[in-house]
Amino acid sequence: MDLVCTRCGEPWNMDHVLHEAPGDFRRKGGLIMRCPVCPVKPPVLPDMEQARLRRIATLAKLFGDDVDGLAVTLADGDLL
């Protein structure tokens, strides 16, 4: 299952984020605010992608530390 960086939109395997390289991510619960591939400057993304990332960020905040629940919701909601 994947989580998504809400800054650049890159999907990441949940096990990688939580167990393999947790120090490479700036995150709170399932909300990834910066990942290893984020450019120095925030990327310029199309409006639809920005809206998708805002939805993901909102869901991540609602789920808090329930990272499993967030990952399932992202997959079921076609937000990946």
Protein backbone atom coordinates (compact mmCIF):
# COMPACT_ATOMS: atom_id res chain seq x y z
CA MET A 1 0.00 0.00 0.00
CA ASP A 2 1.19 3.49 -0.78
CA LEU A 3 1.24 6.91 0.82
CA VAL A 4 1.66 10.10 -1.21
CA CYS A 5 3.94 13.08 -0.72
CA THR A 6 1.56 16.04 -0.56
CA ARG A 7 4.27 18.41 -1.82
CA CYS A 8 5.33 16.71 -5.06
CA GLY A 9 2.77 13.91 -5.52
CA GLU A 10 5.25 11.02 -5.48
CA PRO A 11 3.74 7.75 -4.21
CA TRP A 12 5.76 5.79 -1.64
CA ASN A 13 5.41 2.29 -0.30
CA MET A 14 4.16 2.50 3.26
CA ASP A 15 6.80 0.05 4.56
CA HIS A 16 9.56 2.18 3.03
CA VAL A 17 8.21 5.34 4.66
CA LEU A 18 7.62 3.79 8.08
CA HIS A 19 10.41 1.22 8.42
CA GLU A 20 13.11 1.34 5.74
CA ALA A 21 13.89 5.06 5.52
CA PRO A 22 11.72 6.99 7.98
CA GLY A 23 14.37 9.69 8.43
CA ASP A 24 14.19 10.57 4.73
CA PHE A 25 10.66 11.94 5.07
CA ARG A 26 9.18 14.97 6.79
CA ARG A 27 5.84 13.64 7.95
CA LYS A 28 3.27 13.53 10.72
CA GLY A 29 1.36 10.24 10.81
CA GLY A 30 0.45 9.48 7.20
CA LEU A 31 0.84 13.09 6.06
CA ILE A 32 4.06 13.29 4.05
CA MET A 33 5.03 16.95 3.74
CA ARG A 34 8.37 16.36 2.02
CA CYS A 35 10.04 13.29 0.54
CA PRO A 36 13.53 12.41 -0.76
CA VAL A 37 12.66 13.29 -4.37
CA CYS A 38 11.05 16.67 -3.68
CA PRO A 39 12.78 19.48 -5.54
CA VAL A 40 14.29 22.33 -3.53
CA LYS A 41 11.56 24.70 -4.70
CA PRO A 42 7.96 23.53 -4.43
CA PRO A 43 6.97 22.12 -7.82
CA VAL A 44 4.47 23.88 -10.06
CA LEU A 45 1.69 21.35 -10.50
CA PRO A 46 -1.50 21.45 -12.58
CA ASP A 47 -4.64 22.58 -10.73
CA MET A 48 -6.15 19.08 -10.72
CA GLU A 49 -3.00 17.62 -9.16
CA GLN A 50 -2.92 20.37 -6.53
CA ALA A 51 -6.56 19.62 -5.68
CA ARG A 52 -5.80 15.88 -5.41
CA LEU A 53 -2.86 16.55 -3.08
CA ARG A 54 -5.01 18.84 -0.92
CA ARG A 55 -7.62 16.05 -0.62
CA ILE A 56 -4.89 13.61 0.38
CA ALA A 57 -3.51 16.05 2.97
CA THR A 58 -6.97 16.56 4.44
CA LEU A 59 -7.54 12.81 4.68
CA ALA A 60 -4.10 12.31 6.23
CA LYS A 61 -4.87 14.89 8.90
CA LEU A 62 -8.22 13.22 9.65
CA PHE A 63 -6.63 9.77 9.93
CA GLY A 64 -3.79 11.05 12.13
CA ASP A 65 -1.62 8.09 13.16
CA ASP A 66 -3.88 5.53 11.45
CA VAL A 67 -1.51 5.13 8.51
CA ASP A 68 -3.03 1.79 7.47
CA GLY A 69 -6.50 3.30 7.29
CA LEU A 70 -5.20 6.20 5.22
CA ALA A 71 -3.41 3.92 2.76
CA VAL A 72 -6.54 1.80 2.25
CA THR A 73 -8.68 4.92 1.78
CA LEU A 74 -6.24 6.35 -0.79
CA ALA A 75 -6.27 3.09 -2.74
CA ASP A 76 -10.04 2.64 -2.53
CA GLY A 77 -10.68 6.29 -3.41
CA ASP A 78 -8.45 6.20 -6.52
CA LEU A 79 -6.25 8.94 -5.08
CA LEU A 80 -2.97 7.19 -5.88
